[in-house]
Amino acid sequence: MPESKGRSKPTSSHVAPRPAKAPGPNPEWWVPVFVTLLLLGLAWIVTFYVSQGAWPIAKFGYGNLVAGFVLLLGGFGMAMRWR
């Protein structure tokens, strides 16, 4: 029975990737802005419910909920990138 020839190892010039640099710290304004967005979004939604839709902007109607959640999502997005 014939013997199998072993696979030869490929000779490649593979270079290991350099380790990525760790990102630097956030600017000083980062935390106050995302905390403000979170609190403003919460206050917007609470104001809408407490005023039964008359505040913050009556013309928006239930769009006030969208505006409040957009503010909240902006704050959460910034919070997730906080270092």
N, C-alpha and C. Protein backbone atom coordinates (compact mmCIF):
# COMPACT_ATOMS: atom_id res chain seq x y z
N MET A 1 0.84 -1.16 0.00
CA MET A 1 0.00 0.00 0.00
C MET A 1 0.90 1.23 0.00
N PRO A 2 0.59 2.22 -0.85
CA PRO A 2 1.42 3.42 -0.90
C PRO A 2 1.23 4.30 0.33
N GLU A 3 2.30 4.91 0.74
CA GLU A 3 2.22 5.82 1.89
C GLU A 3 1.86 7.22 1.41
N SER A 4 1.06 7.91 2.23
CA SER A 4 0.67 9.26 1.85
C SER A 4 1.80 10.23 2.14
N LYS A 5 1.89 11.17 1.28
CA LYS A 5 2.88 12.21 1.51
C LYS A 5 2.24 13.23 2.44
N GLY A 6 2.90 13.61 3.47
CA GLY A 6 2.36 14.59 4.41
C GLY A 6 2.20 15.95 3.75
N ARG A 7 1.29 16.71 4.23
CA ARG A 7 1.11 18.06 3.70
C ARG A 7 2.29 18.92 4.09
N SER A 8 2.73 19.65 3.14
CA SER A 8 3.81 20.57 3.46
C SER A 8 3.22 21.85 4.04
N LYS A 9 3.91 22.40 4.97
CA LYS A 9 3.42 23.63 5.59
C LYS A 9 3.61 24.78 4.62
N PRO A 10 2.57 25.59 4.46
CA PRO A 10 2.72 26.71 3.54
C PRO A 10 3.71 27.73 4.08
N THR A 11 4.50 28.21 3.21
CA THR A 11 5.44 29.26 3.61
C THR A 11 4.83 30.60 3.22
N SER A 12 4.42 31.30 4.20
CA SER A 12 3.82 32.60 3.93
C SER A 12 4.53 33.65 4.77
N SER A 13 4.39 34.84 4.35
CA SER A 13 5.01 35.93 5.09
C SER A 13 3.95 36.62 5.94
N HIS A 14 3.26 35.82 6.72
CA HIS A 14 2.21 36.37 7.58
C HIS A 14 2.84 37.15 8.73
N VAL A 15 2.38 38.35 8.89
CA VAL A 15 2.87 39.20 9.96
C VAL A 15 1.74 39.40 10.95
N ALA A 16 2.02 39.17 12.19
CA ALA A 16 1.00 39.33 13.21
C ALA A 16 0.57 40.80 13.28
N PRO A 17 -0.73 41.05 13.46
CA PRO A 17 -1.18 42.44 13.54
C PRO A 17 -0.67 43.11 14.81
N ARG A 18 -0.44 44.39 14.68
CA ARG A 18 -0.01 45.16 15.85
C ARG A 18 -1.18 45.31 16.80
N PRO A 19 -0.90 45.29 18.08
CA PRO A 19 -1.99 45.53 19.03
C PRO A 19 -2.50 46.97 18.90
N ALA A 20 -3.81 47.11 18.95
CA ALA A 20 -4.40 48.45 18.81
C ALA A 20 -4.10 49.28 20.04
N LYS A 21 -3.91 50.56 19.81
CA LYS A 21 -3.68 51.46 20.94
C LYS A 21 -4.98 51.62 21.72
N ALA A 22 -4.85 51.66 23.00
CA ALA A 22 -6.02 51.89 23.83
C ALA A 22 -6.49 53.32 23.62
N PRO A 23 -7.80 53.51 23.45
CA PRO A 23 -8.29 54.87 23.26
C PRO A 23 -8.05 55.71 24.51
N GLY A 24 -7.85 56.97 24.30
CA GLY A 24 -7.60 57.88 25.40
C GLY A 24 -8.87 58.18 26.18
N PRO A 25 -8.73 58.91 27.24
CA PRO A 25 -9.91 59.25 28.05
C PRO A 25 -10.83 60.23 27.31
N ASN A 26 -12.08 60.27 27.75
CA ASN A 26 -13.04 61.19 27.16
C ASN A 26 -12.73 62.62 27.60
N PRO A 27 -13.23 63.60 26.81
CA PRO A 27 -13.06 64.99 27.24
C PRO A 27 -13.82 65.27 28.55
N GLU A 28 -13.47 66.36 29.18
CA GLU A 28 -14.08 66.69 30.47
C GLU A 28 -15.58 66.94 30.38
N TRP A 29 -16.06 67.37 29.21
CA TRP A 29 -17.47 67.70 29.07
C TRP A 29 -18.34 66.47 28.84
N TRP A 30 -17.75 65.30 28.64
CA TRP A 30 -18.49 64.10 28.26
C TRP A 30 -19.53 63.70 29.32
N VAL A 31 -19.10 63.56 30.55
CA VAL A 31 -20.00 63.09 31.61
C VAL A 31 -21.13 64.09 31.87
N PRO A 32 -20.85 65.39 32.02
CA PRO A 32 -21.98 66.31 32.24
C PRO A 32 -23.00 66.31 31.10
N VAL A 33 -22.53 66.14 29.86
CA VAL A 33 -23.47 66.15 28.73
C VAL A 33 -24.34 64.90 28.75
N PHE A 34 -23.77 63.72 28.97
CA PHE A 34 -24.62 62.54 28.93
C PHE A 34 -25.54 62.45 30.13
N VAL A 35 -25.11 62.93 31.28
CA VAL A 35 -26.01 62.95 32.44
C VAL A 35 -27.14 63.95 32.20
N THR A 36 -26.82 65.09 31.60
CA THR A 36 -27.86 66.08 31.28
C THR A 36 -28.86 65.52 30.28
N LEU A 37 -28.39 64.82 29.26
CA LEU A 37 -29.30 64.22 28.28
C LEU A 37 -30.23 63.20 28.94
N LEU A 38 -29.67 62.38 29.82
CA LEU A 38 -30.50 61.38 30.51
C LEU A 38 -31.57 62.05 31.37
N LEU A 39 -31.15 63.05 32.14
CA LEU A 39 -32.11 63.72 33.02
C LEU A 39 -33.14 64.53 32.24
N LEU A 40 -32.70 65.18 31.16
CA LEU A 40 -33.62 65.96 30.34
C LEU A 40 -34.65 65.06 29.66
N GLY A 41 -34.21 63.91 29.15
CA GLY A 41 -35.14 62.96 28.54
C GLY A 41 -36.16 62.44 29.54
N LEU A 42 -35.69 62.11 30.73
CA LEU A 42 -36.60 61.64 31.77
C LEU A 42 -37.59 62.74 32.16
N ALA A 43 -37.09 63.96 32.35
CA ALA A 43 -37.96 65.07 32.72
C ALA A 43 -38.98 65.36 31.61
N TRP A 44 -38.57 65.24 30.35
CA TRP A 44 -39.47 65.49 29.21
C TRP A 44 -40.63 64.50 29.24
N ILE A 45 -40.32 63.23 29.43
CA ILE A 45 -41.37 62.20 29.43
C ILE A 45 -42.27 62.35 30.65
N VAL A 46 -41.69 62.59 31.81
CA VAL A 46 -42.51 62.76 33.03
C VAL A 46 -43.41 63.97 32.90
N THR A 47 -42.89 65.08 32.37
CA THR A 47 -43.69 66.29 32.18
C THR A 47 -44.85 66.02 31.23
N PHE A 48 -44.60 65.28 30.18
CA PHE A 48 -45.66 64.95 29.22
C PHE A 48 -46.78 64.17 29.90
N TYR A 49 -46.42 63.17 30.70
CA TYR A 49 -47.45 62.37 31.35
C TYR A 49 -48.18 63.14 32.46
N VAL A 50 -47.44 63.90 33.25
CA VAL A 50 -48.06 64.62 34.37
C VAL A 50 -49.00 65.70 33.85
N SER A 51 -48.64 66.36 32.75
CA SER A 51 -49.48 67.44 32.21
C SER A 51 -50.56 66.90 31.27
N GLN A 52 -50.66 65.60 31.13
CA GLN A 52 -51.65 64.95 30.26
C GLN A 52 -51.53 65.44 28.82
N GLY A 53 -50.31 65.63 28.36
CA GLY A 53 -50.06 65.98 26.97
C GLY A 53 -50.04 67.46 26.66
N ALA A 54 -50.29 68.33 27.65
CA ALA A 54 -50.30 69.77 27.40
C ALA A 54 -48.89 70.36 27.34
N TRP A 55 -47.94 69.73 27.99
CA TRP A 55 -46.56 70.20 28.01
C TRP A 55 -45.66 69.08 27.55
N PRO A 56 -44.48 69.21 27.20
CA PRO A 56 -43.66 70.36 26.90
C PRO A 56 -44.10 71.08 25.62
N ILE A 57 -44.49 70.35 24.57
CA ILE A 57 -44.95 71.01 23.34
C ILE A 57 -46.26 70.34 22.94
N ALA A 58 -47.35 71.07 23.10
CA ALA A 58 -48.68 70.49 22.89
C ALA A 58 -48.89 70.02 21.44
N LYS A 59 -48.33 70.72 20.47
CA LYS A 59 -48.51 70.34 19.07
C LYS A 59 -47.89 68.98 18.75
N PHE A 60 -46.86 68.58 19.48
CA PHE A 60 -46.20 67.31 19.21
C PHE A 60 -47.10 66.12 19.53
N GLY A 61 -47.98 66.29 20.51
CA GLY A 61 -48.80 65.16 20.93
C GLY A 61 -47.91 64.05 21.47
N TYR A 62 -48.12 62.84 20.93
CA TYR A 62 -47.30 61.72 21.39
C TYR A 62 -45.88 61.76 20.83
N GLY A 63 -45.61 62.71 19.96
CA GLY A 63 -44.24 62.93 19.51
C GLY A 63 -43.34 63.38 20.65
N ASN A 64 -43.95 63.90 21.72
CA ASN A 64 -43.17 64.27 22.91
C ASN A 64 -42.49 63.03 23.50
N LEU A 65 -43.16 61.89 23.41
CA LEU A 65 -42.53 60.66 23.90
C LEU A 65 -41.31 60.32 23.04
N VAL A 66 -41.45 60.49 21.75
CA VAL A 66 -40.32 60.23 20.85
C VAL A 66 -39.16 61.16 21.18
N ALA A 67 -39.48 62.44 21.38
CA ALA A 67 -38.42 63.41 21.71
C ALA A 67 -37.74 63.03 23.03
N GLY A 68 -38.51 62.64 24.02
CA GLY A 68 -37.93 62.23 25.30
C GLY A 68 -37.05 61.00 25.17
N PHE A 69 -37.52 60.02 24.40
CA PHE A 69 -36.73 58.81 24.22
C PHE A 69 -35.48 59.05 23.38
N VAL A 70 -35.54 59.98 22.44
CA VAL A 70 -34.35 60.32 21.67
C VAL A 70 -33.29 60.93 22.60
N LEU A 71 -33.72 61.80 23.49
CA LEU A 71 -32.78 62.36 24.47
C LEU A 71 -32.19 61.27 25.36
N LEU A 72 -33.04 60.35 25.81
CA LEU A 72 -32.56 59.25 26.64
C LEU A 72 -31.57 58.37 25.88
N LEU A 73 -31.89 58.04 24.63
CA LEU A 73 -31.01 57.19 23.84
C LEU A 73 -29.67 57.88 23.57
N GLY A 74 -29.71 59.18 23.35
CA GLY A 74 -28.46 59.92 23.18
C GLY A 74 -27.60 59.84 24.43
N GLY A 75 -28.23 59.97 25.59
CA GLY A 75 -27.50 59.85 26.86
C GLY A 75 -26.95 58.45 27.07
N PHE A 76 -27.77 57.43 26.76
CA PHE A 76 -27.30 56.05 26.92
C PHE A 76 -26.16 55.75 25.95
N GLY A 77 -26.28 56.26 24.72
CA GLY A 77 -25.21 56.05 23.75
C GLY A 77 -23.90 56.65 24.21
N MET A 78 -23.97 57.83 24.78
CA MET A 78 -22.75 58.46 25.29
C MET A 78 -22.22 57.71 26.52
N ALA A 79 -23.13 57.21 27.34
CA ALA A 79 -22.71 56.49 28.55
C ALA A 79 -21.96 55.20 28.18
N MET A 80 -22.37 54.58 27.07
CA MET A 80 -21.69 53.34 26.69
C MET A 80 -20.30 53.59 26.12
N ARG A 81 -20.03 54.78 25.66
CA ARG A 81 -18.70 55.10 25.13
C ARG A 81 -17.82 55.79 26.18
N TRP A 82 -18.30 55.87 27.40
CA TRP A 82 -17.56 56.55 28.47
C TRP A 82 -16.39 55.66 28.90
N ARG A 83 -15.22 56.26 29.00
CA ARG A 83 -14.03 55.52 29.45
C ARG A 83 -13.52 56.12 30.72
